[in-house]
Structures are given as C-alpha cells and as structure tokens.
Amino acid sequence: LILKKNDLVLIRSTVPIGTTRNIIIPILEKSKLKVNNDFFVAFTPER
C-alpha cells in the first residue's frame, strides 16, 4: 500500500524456499509496480 518506485524490500524473516518469489513478490506487486523494474526485493536472512 505504500510501496514506491525504486523502493527496496528486504526479507529478514526465516521463510521456506520459494516464499519470496511465490508469495511475497506477488503480494507486493498488488501495488501495480513490478519487481526488478519498479522496486527491488532481496532475502537477507537473520543470523
């Protein structure tokens, strides 16, 4: 709801393989922005 062009979303939570690509990105793209073109996403696990 607040995502803007050129924003970066970092996932720090522990999630199963594929969660970023199959769950989080489609939800973020409800913003009408497209990952890699309009905003950026990376998984950076807490350790």
All heavy atoms as atom14 arrays in JSON, in Angstrom:
{
  "sequence": "LILKKNDLVLIRSTVPIGTTRNIIIPILEKSKLKVNNDFFVAFTPER",
  "atom14_mask": [
    [1, 1, 1, 1, 1, 1, 1, 1, 0, 0, 0, 0, 0, 0],
    [1, 1, 1, 1, 1, 1, 1, 1, 0, 0, 0, 0, 0, 0],
    [1, 1, 1, 1, 1, 1, 1, 1, 0, 0, 0, 0, 0, 0],
    [1, 1, 1, 1, 1, 1, 1, 1, 1, 0, 0, 0, 0, 0],
    [1, 1, 1, 1, 1, 1, 1, 1, 1, 0, 0, 0, 0, 0],
    [1, 1, 1, 1, 1, 1, 1, 1, 0, 0, 0, 0, 0, 0],
    [1, 1, 1, 1, 1, 1, 1, 1, 0, 0, 0, 0, 0, 0],
    [1, 1, 1, 1, 1, 1, 1, 1, 0, 0, 0, 0, 0, 0],
    [1, 1, 1, 1, 1, 1, 1, 0, 0, 0, 0, 0, 0, 0],
    [1, 1, 1, 1, 1, 1, 1, 1, 0, 0, 0, 0, 0, 0],
    [1, 1, 1, 1, 1, 1, 1, 1, 0, 0, 0, 0, 0, 0],
    [1, 1, 1, 1, 1, 1, 1, 1, 1, 1, 1, 0, 0, 0],
    [1, 1, 1, 1, 1, 1, 0, 0, 0, 0, 0, 0, 0, 0],
    [1, 1, 1, 1, 1, 1, 1, 0, 0, 0, 0, 0, 0, 0],
    [1, 1, 1, 1, 1, 1, 1, 0, 0, 0, 0, 0, 0, 0],
    [1, 1, 1, 1, 1, 1, 1, 0, 0, 0, 0, 0, 0, 0],
    [1, 1, 1, 1, 1, 1, 1, 1, 0, 0, 0, 0, 0, 0],
    [1, 1, 1, 1, 0, 0, 0, 0, 0, 0, 0, 0, 0, 0],
    [1, 1, 1, 1, 1, 1, 1, 0, 0, 0, 0, 0, 0, 0],
    [1, 1, 1, 1, 1, 1, 1, 0, 0, 0, 0, 0, 0, 0],
    [1, 1, 1, 1, 1, 1, 1, 1, 1, 1, 1, 0, 0, 0],
    [1, 1, 1, 1, 1, 1, 1, 1, 0, 0, 0, 0, 0, 0],
    [1, 1, 1, 1, 1, 1, 1, 1, 0, 0, 0, 0, 0, 0],
    [1, 1, 1, 1, 1, 1, 1, 1, 0, 0, 0, 0, 0, 0],
    [1, 1, 1, 1, 1, 1, 1, 1, 0, 0, 0, 0, 0, 0],
    [1, 1, 1, 1, 1, 1, 1, 0, 0, 0, 0, 0, 0, 0],
    [1, 1, 1, 1, 1, 1, 1, 1, 0, 0, 0, 0, 0, 0],
    [1, 1, 1, 1, 1, 1, 1, 1, 0, 0, 0, 0, 0, 0],
    [1, 1, 1, 1, 1, 1, 1, 1, 1, 0, 0, 0, 0, 0],
    [1, 1, 1, 1, 1, 1, 1, 1, 1, 0, 0, 0, 0, 0],
    [1, 1, 1, 1, 1, 1, 0, 0, 0, 0, 0, 0, 0, 0],
    [1, 1, 1, 1, 1, 1, 1, 1, 1, 0, 0, 0, 0, 0],
    [1, 1, 1, 1, 1, 1, 1, 1, 0, 0, 0, 0, 0, 0],
    [1, 1, 1, 1, 1, 1, 1, 1, 1, 0, 0, 0, 0, 0],
    [1, 1, 1, 1, 1, 1, 1, 0, 0, 0, 0, 0, 0, 0],
    [1, 1, 1, 1, 1, 1, 1, 1, 0, 0, 0, 0, 0, 0],
    [1, 1, 1, 1, 1, 1, 1, 1, 0, 0, 0, 0, 0, 0],
    [1, 1, 1, 1, 1, 1, 1, 1, 0, 0, 0, 0, 0, 0],
    [1, 1, 1, 1, 1, 1, 1, 1, 1, 1, 1, 0, 0, 0],
    [1, 1, 1, 1, 1, 1, 1, 1, 1, 1, 1, 0, 0, 0],
    [1, 1, 1, 1, 1, 1, 1, 0, 0, 0, 0, 0, 0, 0],
    [1, 1, 1, 1, 1, 0, 0, 0, 0, 0, 0, 0, 0, 0],
    [1, 1, 1, 1, 1, 1, 1, 1, 1, 1, 1, 0, 0, 0],
    [1, 1, 1, 1, 1, 1, 1, 0, 0, 0, 0, 0, 0, 0],
    [1, 1, 1, 1, 1, 1, 1, 0, 0, 0, 0, 0, 0, 0],
    [1, 1, 1, 1, 1, 1, 1, 1, 1, 0, 0, 0, 0, 0],
    [1, 1, 1, 1, 1, 1, 1, 1, 1, 1, 1, 0, 0, 0]
  ],
  "atom14_positions": [
    [[0.81, -1.22, 0.0], [0.0, 0.0, 0.0], [0.85, 1.27, 0.0], [0.35, 2.34, -0.36], [-0.94, 0.0, 1.21], [-1.94, -1.15, 1.28], [-2.71, -1.1, 2.6], [-2.89, -1.14, 0.09], [0.0, 0.0, 0.0], [0.0, 0.0, 0.0], [0.0, 0.0, 0.0], [0.0, 0.0, 0.0], [0.0, 0.0, 0.0], [0.0, 0.0, 0.0]],
    [[2.11, 1.17, 0.42], [2.97, 2.36, 0.49], [4.19, 2.25, -0.42], [5.01, 3.16, -0.47], [3.42, 2.65, 1.94], [4.28, 1.51, 2.5], [2.23, 2.94, 2.83], [4.99, 1.85, 3.79], [0.0, 0.0, 0.0], [0.0, 0.0, 0.0], [0.0, 0.0, 0.0], [0.0, 0.0, 0.0], [0.0, 0.0, 0.0], [0.0, 0.0, 0.0]],
    [[4.32, 1.14, -1.14], [5.48, 0.89, -1.98], [5.56, 1.92, -3.11], [4.54, 2.25, -3.73], [5.38, -0.53, -2.57], [6.64, -1.14, -3.15], [7.71, -1.32, -2.08], [6.3, -2.49, -3.78], [0.0, 0.0, 0.0], [0.0, 0.0, 0.0], [0.0, 0.0, 0.0], [0.0, 0.0, 0.0], [0.0, 0.0, 0.0], [0.0, 0.0, 0.0]],
    [[6.77, 2.41, -3.35], [7.01, 3.41, -4.39], [8.08, 2.93, -5.36], [8.82, 2.0, -5.06], [7.51, 4.73, -3.77], [6.67, 5.31, -2.68], [7.3, 6.55, -2.07], [8.68, 6.41, -1.51], [8.95, 5.39, -0.54], [0.0, 0.0, 0.0], [0.0, 0.0, 0.0], [0.0, 0.0, 0.0], [0.0, 0.0, 0.0], [0.0, 0.0, 0.0]],
    [[8.17, 3.61, -6.46], [9.19, 3.31, -7.45], [10.57, 3.43, -6.8], [10.82, 4.36, -6.05], [9.07, 4.25, -8.64], [9.86, 3.82, -9.84], [9.33, 4.49, -11.09], [10.11, 4.12, -12.31], [10.03, 2.75, -12.72], [0.0, 0.0, 0.0], [0.0, 0.0, 0.0], [0.0, 0.0, 0.0], [0.0, 0.0, 0.0], [0.0, 0.0, 0.0]],
    [[11.43, 2.47, -7.06], [12.82, 2.38, -6.59], [12.97, 1.96, -5.13], [14.07, 1.97, -4.6], [13.6, 3.68, -6.84], [13.75, 3.92, -8.32], [14.05, 3.01, -9.09], [13.52, 5.16, -8.74], [0.0, 0.0, 0.0], [0.0, 0.0, 0.0], [0.0, 0.0, 0.0], [0.0, 0.0, 0.0], [0.0, 0.0, 0.0], [0.0, 0.0, 0.0]],
    [[11.88, 1.59, -4.46], [11.98, 1.1, -3.08], [12.66, -0.28, -3.07], [12.6, -1.03, -4.05], [10.61, 0.97, -2.43], [10.07, 2.3, -1.91], [10.73, 3.33, -2.08], [8.95, 2.28, -1.34], [0.0, 0.0, 0.0], [0.0, 0.0, 0.0], [0.0, 0.0, 0.0], [0.0, 0.0, 0.0], [0.0, 0.0, 0.0], [0.0, 0.0, 0.0]],
    [[13.27, -0.59, -1.93], [13.91, -1.88, -1.71], [13.19, -2.57, -0.55], [12.98, -1.96, 0.5], [15.38, -1.68, -1.36], [16.17, -2.9, -0.89], [16.27, -3.96, -1.99], [17.58, -2.47, -0.43], [0.0, 0.0, 0.0], [0.0, 0.0, 0.0], [0.0, 0.0, 0.0], [0.0, 0.0, 0.0], [0.0, 0.0, 0.0], [0.0, 0.0, 0.0]],
    [[12.81, -3.83, -0.75], [12.19, -4.63, 0.3], [13.15, -5.76, 0.64], [13.55, -6.52, -0.24], [10.82, -5.19, -0.14], [10.22, -6.05, 0.98], [9.86, -4.07, -0.55], [0.0, 0.0, 0.0], [0.0, 0.0, 0.0], [0.0, 0.0, 0.0], [0.0, 0.0, 0.0], [0.0, 0.0, 0.0], [0.0, 0.0, 0.0], [0.0, 0.0, 0.0]],
    [[13.54, -5.83, 1.91], [14.42, -6.88, 2.39], [13.64, -7.81, 3.3], [13.0, -7.35, 4.24], [15.61, -6.28, 3.15], [16.51, -5.34, 2.35], [17.55, -4.72, 3.27], [17.18, -6.08, 1.21], [0.0, 0.0, 0.0], [0.0, 0.0, 0.0], [0.0, 0.0, 0.0], [0.0, 0.0, 0.0], [0.0, 0.0, 0.0], [0.0, 0.0, 0.0]],
    [[13.71, -9.1, 3.03], [13.06, -10.09, 3.88], [14.11, -10.63, 4.83], [15.09, -11.23, 4.41], [12.42, -11.22, 3.06], [11.25, -10.69, 2.2], [11.88, -12.31, 3.98], [11.64, -10.27, 0.85], [0.0, 0.0, 0.0], [0.0, 0.0, 0.0], [0.0, 0.0, 0.0], [0.0, 0.0, 0.0], [0.0, 0.0, 0.0], [0.0, 0.0, 0.0]],
    [[13.91, -10.38, 6.12], [14.85, -10.8, 7.16], [14.3, -12.0, 7.94], [15.01, -12.63, 8.7], [15.09, -9.61, 8.09], [16.28, -9.72, 8.98], [17.54, -9.31, 8.29], [18.63, -9.2, 9.25], [19.88, -9.43, 8.97], [20.24, -9.76, 7.75], [20.81, -9.31, 9.89], [0.0, 0.0, 0.0], [0.0, 0.0, 0.0], [0.0, 0.0, 0.0]],
    [[13.03, -12.3, 7.75], [12.38, -13.42, 8.44], [12.83, -14.75, 7.85], [13.19, -14.84, 6.68], [10.85, -13.31, 8.29], [10.39, -12.12, 8.86], [0.0, 0.0, 0.0], [0.0, 0.0, 0.0], [0.0, 0.0, 0.0], [0.0, 0.0, 0.0], [0.0, 0.0, 0.0], [0.0, 0.0, 0.0], [0.0, 0.0, 0.0], [0.0, 0.0, 0.0]],
    [[12.75, -15.79, 8.67], [13.06, -17.14, 8.21], [11.83, -17.69, 7.49], [10.76, -17.79, 8.08], [13.42, -18.04, 9.4], [14.54, -17.45, 10.09], [13.77, -19.44, 8.95], [0.0, 0.0, 0.0], [0.0, 0.0, 0.0], [0.0, 0.0, 0.0], [0.0, 0.0, 0.0], [0.0, 0.0, 0.0], [0.0, 0.0, 0.0], [0.0, 0.0, 0.0]],
    [[12.0, -18.0, 6.21], [10.89, -18.49, 5.41], [11.33, -19.69, 4.57], [12.51, -19.84, 4.27], [10.33, -17.39, 4.48], [9.69, -16.27, 5.28], [11.4, -16.83, 3.56], [0.0, 0.0, 0.0], [0.0, 0.0, 0.0], [0.0, 0.0, 0.0], [0.0, 0.0, 0.0], [0.0, 0.0, 0.0], [0.0, 0.0, 0.0], [0.0, 0.0, 0.0]],
    [[10.38, -20.54, 4.19], [10.73, -21.68, 3.34], [11.19, -21.21, 1.95], [10.82, -20.12, 1.49], [9.42, -22.47, 3.22], [8.51, -21.92, 4.26], [8.98, -20.55, 4.59], [0.0, 0.0, 0.0], [0.0, 0.0, 0.0], [0.0, 0.0, 0.0], [0.0, 0.0, 0.0], [0.0, 0.0, 0.0], [0.0, 0.0, 0.0], [0.0, 0.0, 0.0]],
    [[11.95, -22.04, 1.29], [12.4, -21.75, -0.08], [11.19, -21.47, -0.95], [10.19, -22.18, -0.91], [13.21, -22.94, -0.63], [14.51, -23.08, 0.15], [13.49, -22.78, -2.12], [15.29, -24.34, -0.16], [0.0, 0.0, 0.0], [0.0, 0.0, 0.0], [0.0, 0.0, 0.0], [0.0, 0.0, 0.0], [0.0, 0.0, 0.0], [0.0, 0.0, 0.0]],
    [[11.28, -20.44, -1.76], [10.22, -20.08, -2.69], [9.24, -19.05, -2.16], [8.43, -18.52, -2.92], [0.0, 0.0, 0.0], [0.0, 0.0, 0.0], [0.0, 0.0, 0.0], [0.0, 0.0, 0.0], [0.0, 0.0, 0.0], [0.0, 0.0, 0.0], [0.0, 0.0, 0.0], [0.0, 0.0, 0.0], [0.0, 0.0, 0.0], [0.0, 0.0, 0.0]],
    [[9.28, -18.74, -0.85], [8.33, -17.81, -0.27], [8.46, -16.42, -0.86], [7.45, -15.77, -1.17], [8.49, -17.76, 1.27], [8.28, -19.06, 1.8], [7.52, -16.79, 1.9], [0.0, 0.0, 0.0], [0.0, 0.0, 0.0], [0.0, 0.0, 0.0], [0.0, 0.0, 0.0], [0.0, 0.0, 0.0], [0.0, 0.0, 0.0], [0.0, 0.0, 0.0]],
    [[9.68, -15.95, -1.05], [9.87, -14.61, -1.6], [9.28, -14.53, -3.0], [8.48, -13.64, -3.3], [11.38, -14.26, -1.63], [11.89, -14.32, -0.3], [11.6, -12.86, -2.19], [0.0, 0.0, 0.0], [0.0, 0.0, 0.0], [0.0, 0.0, 0.0], [0.0, 0.0, 0.0], [0.0, 0.0, 0.0], [0.0, 0.0, 0.0], [0.0, 0.0, 0.0]],
    [[9.65, -15.46, -3.86], [9.23, -15.45, -5.26], [7.73, -15.76, -5.43], [7.05, -15.11, -6.23], [10.05, -16.46, -6.05], [9.75, -16.54, -7.52], [10.65, -17.55, -8.22], [12.06, -17.28, -8.02], [12.8, -16.46, -8.76], [12.25, -15.83, -9.76], [14.07, -16.29, -8.51], [0.0, 0.0, 0.0], [0.0, 0.0, 0.0], [0.0, 0.0, 0.0]],
    [[7.22, -16.72, -4.66], [5.86, -17.22, -4.9], [4.78, -16.58, -4.05], [3.61, -16.67, -4.39], [5.82, -18.74, -4.69], [6.75, -19.44, -5.66], [6.89, -19.07, -6.81], [7.42, -20.48, -5.17], [0.0, 0.0, 0.0], [0.0, 0.0, 0.0], [0.0, 0.0, 0.0], [0.0, 0.0, 0.0], [0.0, 0.0, 0.0], [0.0, 0.0, 0.0]],
    [[5.17, -15.96, -2.93], [4.16, -15.38, -2.04], [4.38, -13.87, -1.86], [3.48, -13.07, -2.11], [4.16, -16.1, -0.67], [3.72, -17.56, -0.88], [3.24, -15.37, 0.32], [3.81, -18.42, 0.36], [0.0, 0.0, 0.0], [0.0, 0.0, 0.0], [0.0, 0.0, 0.0], [0.0, 0.0, 0.0], [0.0, 0.0, 0.0], [0.0, 0.0, 0.0]],
    [[5.57, -13.48, -1.44], [5.8, -12.07, -1.08], [5.77, -11.17, -2.32], [5.09, -10.14, -2.32], [7.13, -11.92, -0.31], [7.02, -12.68, 1.02], [7.46, -10.45, -0.08], [8.33, -12.78, 1.8], [0.0, 0.0, 0.0], [0.0, 0.0, 0.0], [0.0, 0.0, 0.0], [0.0, 0.0, 0.0], [0.0, 0.0, 0.0], [0.0, 0.0, 0.0]],
    [[6.49, -11.52, -3.36], [6.53, -10.65, -4.55], [5.15, -10.47, -5.17], [4.76, -9.33, -5.47], [7.59, -11.14, -5.57], [8.99, -10.87, -5.0], [7.39, -10.48, -6.93], [10.14, -11.43, -5.82], [0.0, 0.0, 0.0], [0.0, 0.0, 0.0], [0.0, 0.0, 0.0], [0.0, 0.0, 0.0], [0.0, 0.0, 0.0], [0.0, 0.0, 0.0]],
    [[4.35, -11.54, -5.38], [3.0, -11.3, -5.92], [2.16, -10.37, -5.05], [1.38, -9.56, -5.58], [2.4, -12.7, -5.99], [3.58, -13.61, -6.16], [4.66, -12.97, -5.31], [0.0, 0.0, 0.0], [0.0, 0.0, 0.0], [0.0, 0.0, 0.0], [0.0, 0.0, 0.0], [0.0, 0.0, 0.0], [0.0, 0.0, 0.0], [0.0, 0.0, 0.0]],
    [[2.31, -10.46, -3.74], [1.58, -9.55, -2.86], [2.07, -8.12, -3.06], [1.28, -7.18, -3.19], [1.71, -9.98, -1.38], [0.96, -11.3, -1.15], [1.19, -8.89, -0.44], [1.19, -11.91, 0.23], [0.0, 0.0, 0.0], [0.0, 0.0, 0.0], [0.0, 0.0, 0.0], [0.0, 0.0, 0.0], [0.0, 0.0, 0.0], [0.0, 0.0, 0.0]],
    [[3.39, -7.93, -3.1], [3.94, -6.58, -3.3], [3.54, -5.99, -4.65], [3.34, -4.78, -4.77], [5.46, -6.6, -3.16], [6.01, -6.94, -1.77], [7.52, -7.1, -1.83], [5.61, -5.89, -0.75], [0.0, 0.0, 0.0], [0.0, 0.0, 0.0], [0.0, 0.0, 0.0], [0.0, 0.0, 0.0], [0.0, 0.0, 0.0], [0.0, 0.0, 0.0]],
    [[3.41, -6.84, -5.65], [3.04, -6.36, -6.99], [1.58, -5.93, -7.08], [1.17, -5.35, -8.09], [3.39, -7.4, -8.04], [4.88, -7.47, -8.29], [5.29, -8.41, -9.4], [4.58, -9.41, -9.66], [6.34, -8.14, -10.03], [0.0, 0.0, 0.0], [0.0, 0.0, 0.0], [0.0, 0.0, 0.0], [0.0, 0.0, 0.0], [0.0, 0.0, 0.0]],
    [[0.8, -6.16, -6.03], [-0.56, -5.6, -5.99], [-0.51, -4.08, -6.0], [-1.51, -3.42, -6.26], [-1.31, -6.1, -4.75], [-1.68, -7.55, -4.8], [-2.42, -7.95, -3.53], [-2.8, -9.41, -3.54], [-3.54, -9.78, -2.31], [0.0, 0.0, 0.0], [0.0, 0.0, 0.0], [0.0, 0.0, 0.0], [0.0, 0.0, 0.0], [0.0, 0.0, 0.0]],
    [[0.67, -3.54, -5.72], [0.89, -2.09, -5.74], [0.83, -1.54, -7.16], [0.87, -0.33, -7.36], [2.25, -1.77, -5.15], [3.28, -2.3, -5.99], [0.0, 0.0, 0.0], [0.0, 0.0, 0.0], [0.0, 0.0, 0.0], [0.0, 0.0, 0.0], [0.0, 0.0, 0.0], [0.0, 0.0, 0.0], [0.0, 0.0, 0.0], [0.0, 0.0, 0.0]],
    [[0.77, -2.42, -8.16], [0.82, -2.09, -9.59], [2.24, -1.79, -10.05], [2.47, -1.43, -11.19], [-0.11, -0.92, -9.96], [-1.54, -1.12, -9.55], [-2.18, -2.25, -10.29], [-3.66, -2.35, -9.93], [-4.17, -3.67, -9.9], [0.0, 0.0, 0.0], [0.0, 0.0, 0.0], [0.0, 0.0, 0.0], [0.0, 0.0, 0.0], [0.0, 0.0, 0.0]],
    [[3.21, -1.95, -9.16], [4.62, -1.84, -9.51], [5.15, -3.24, -9.78], [4.64, -4.22, -9.26], [5.41, -1.2, -8.37], [4.98, 0.23, -7.97], [5.75, 0.67, -6.73], [5.2, 1.21, -9.11], [0.0, 0.0, 0.0], [0.0, 0.0, 0.0], [0.0, 0.0, 0.0], [0.0, 0.0, 0.0], [0.0, 0.0, 0.0], [0.0, 0.0, 0.0]],
    [[6.2, -3.33, -10.6], [6.77, -4.63, -10.96], [8.16, -4.78, -10.35], [9.0, -3.87, -10.45], [6.86, -4.78, -12.48], [5.51, -4.89, -13.15], [4.82, -6.16, -12.74], [3.43, -6.28, -13.31], [2.66, -7.28, -12.62], [0.0, 0.0, 0.0], [0.0, 0.0, 0.0], [0.0, 0.0, 0.0], [0.0, 0.0, 0.0], [0.0, 0.0, 0.0]],
    [[8.38, -5.95, -9.75], [9.68, -6.25, -9.17], [10.75, -6.17, -10.25], [10.52, -6.53, -11.4], [9.69, -7.61, -8.45], [9.59, -8.77, -9.43], [10.92, -7.77, -7.58], [0.0, 0.0, 0.0], [0.0, 0.0, 0.0], [0.0, 0.0, 0.0], [0.0, 0.0, 0.0], [0.0, 0.0, 0.0], [0.0, 0.0, 0.0], [0.0, 0.0, 0.0]],
    [[11.9, -5.66, -9.9], [13.09, -5.51, -10.74], [13.0, -4.34, -11.69], [14.03, -3.84, -12.11], [13.42, -6.8, -11.5], [14.82, -6.77, -12.06], [15.76, -6.39, -11.35], [14.98, -7.13, -13.3], [0.0, 0.0, 0.0], [0.0, 0.0, 0.0], [0.0, 0.0, 0.0], [0.0, 0.0, 0.0], [0.0, 0.0, 0.0], [0.0, 0.0, 0.0]],
    [[11.81, -3.9, -12.06], [11.67, -2.71, -12.89], [11.36, -1.48, -12.04], [11.94, -0.42, -12.25], [10.55, -2.9, -13.93], [10.9, -3.95, -14.95], [12.05, -4.08, -15.35], [9.91, -4.73, -15.35], [0.0, 0.0, 0.0], [0.0, 0.0, 0.0], [0.0, 0.0, 0.0], [0.0, 0.0, 0.0], [0.0, 0.0, 0.0], [0.0, 0.0, 0.0]],
    [[10.43, -1.65, -11.11], [9.95, -0.52, -10.31], [10.42, -0.57, -8.86], [10.59, 0.47, -8.23], [8.42, -0.49, -10.32], [7.87, -0.35, -11.73], [8.39, 0.46, -12.5], [6.91, -1.09, -12.07], [0.0, 0.0, 0.0], [0.0, 0.0, 0.0], [0.0, 0.0, 0.0], [0.0, 0.0, 0.0], [0.0, 0.0, 0.0], [0.0, 0.0, 0.0]],
    [[10.56, -1.77, -8.32], [11.05, -1.92, -6.95], [11.93, -3.17, -6.89], [11.97, -3.96, -7.84], [9.9, -2.0, -5.93], [9.08, -3.25, -5.99], [9.35, -4.33, -5.16], [8.01, -3.37, -6.88], [8.59, -5.49, -5.21], [7.24, -4.51, -6.94], [7.54, -5.58, -6.11], [0.0, 0.0, 0.0], [0.0, 0.0, 0.0], [0.0, 0.0, 0.0]],
    [[12.64, -3.33, -5.79], [13.65, -4.38, -5.68], [13.42, -5.21, -4.42], [12.98, -4.68, -3.39], [15.05, -3.75, -5.67], [15.24, -2.81, -6.83], [15.01, -1.46, -6.69], [15.59, -3.31, -8.07], [15.14, -0.6, -7.77], [15.72, -2.46, -9.16], [15.49, -1.11, -9.01], [0.0, 0.0, 0.0], [0.0, 0.0, 0.0], [0.0, 0.0, 0.0]],
    [[13.71, -6.51, -4.51], [13.47, -7.42, -3.39], [14.68, -8.32, -3.21], [15.25, -8.83, -4.19], [12.22, -8.31, -3.64], [12.07, -9.35, -2.55], [10.98, -7.45, -3.73], [0.0, 0.0, 0.0], [0.0, 0.0, 0.0], [0.0, 0.0, 0.0], [0.0, 0.0, 0.0], [0.0, 0.0, 0.0], [0.0, 0.0, 0.0], [0.0, 0.0, 0.0]],
    [[15.06, -8.52, -1.95], [16.15, -9.46, -1.63], [15.84, -10.15, -0.31], [15.18, -9.59, 0.57], [17.48, -8.73, -1.55], [0.0, 0.0, 0.0], [0.0, 0.0, 0.0], [0.0, 0.0, 0.0], [0.0, 0.0, 0.0], [0.0, 0.0, 0.0], [0.0, 0.0, 0.0], [0.0, 0.0, 0.0], [0.0, 0.0, 0.0], [0.0, 0.0, 0.0]],
    [[16.31, -11.37, -0.2], [16.2, -12.15, 1.02], [17.54, -12.05, 1.73], [18.58, -12.38, 1.16], [15.87, -13.61, 0.68], [15.8, -14.51, 1.88], [14.86, -14.31, 2.87], [16.68, -15.57, 2.0], [14.8, -15.14, 3.98], [16.63, -16.41, 3.11], [15.68, -16.19, 4.09], [0.0, 0.0, 0.0], [0.0, 0.0, 0.0], [0.0, 0.0, 0.0]],
    [[17.53, -11.54, 2.95], [18.76, -11.37, 3.73], [18.52, -11.96, 5.12], [18.15, -11.26, 6.04], [19.15, -9.88, 3.84], [18.11, -9.15, 4.47], [19.41, -9.27, 2.48], [0.0, 0.0, 0.0], [0.0, 0.0, 0.0], [0.0, 0.0, 0.0], [0.0, 0.0, 0.0], [0.0, 0.0, 0.0], [0.0, 0.0, 0.0], [0.0, 0.0, 0.0]],
    [[18.68, -13.27, 5.23], [18.29, -13.95, 6.47], [19.04, -13.45, 7.7], [20.22, -13.14, 7.63], [18.61, -15.41, 6.19], [19.65, -15.39, 5.13], [19.36, -14.18, 4.29], [0.0, 0.0, 0.0], [0.0, 0.0, 0.0], [0.0, 0.0, 0.0], [0.0, 0.0, 0.0], [0.0, 0.0, 0.0], [0.0, 0.0, 0.0], [0.0, 0.0, 0.0]],
    [[18.29, -13.4, 8.79], [18.86, -13.05, 10.08], [19.72, -14.22, 10.55], [19.32, -15.37, 10.46], [17.72, -12.79, 11.06], [18.15, -12.55, 12.47], [18.29, -13.82, 13.29], [17.53, -14.77, 13.08], [19.2, -13.84, 14.14], [0.0, 0.0, 0.0], [0.0, 0.0, 0.0], [0.0, 0.0, 0.0], [0.0, 0.0, 0.0], [0.0, 0.0, 0.0]],
    [[20.9, -13.92, 11.04], [21.76, -14.97, 11.57], [22.65, -14.44, 12.68], [23.84, -14.69, 12.72], [22.59, -15.64, 10.47], [23.06, -14.7, 9.43], [23.66, -15.38, 8.22], [24.89, -14.68, 7.91], [26.08, -15.22, 7.92], [26.24, -16.47, 8.18], [27.14, -14.5, 7.66], [0.0, 0.0, 0.0], [0.0, 0.0, 0.0], [0.0, 0.0, 0.0]]
  ]
}
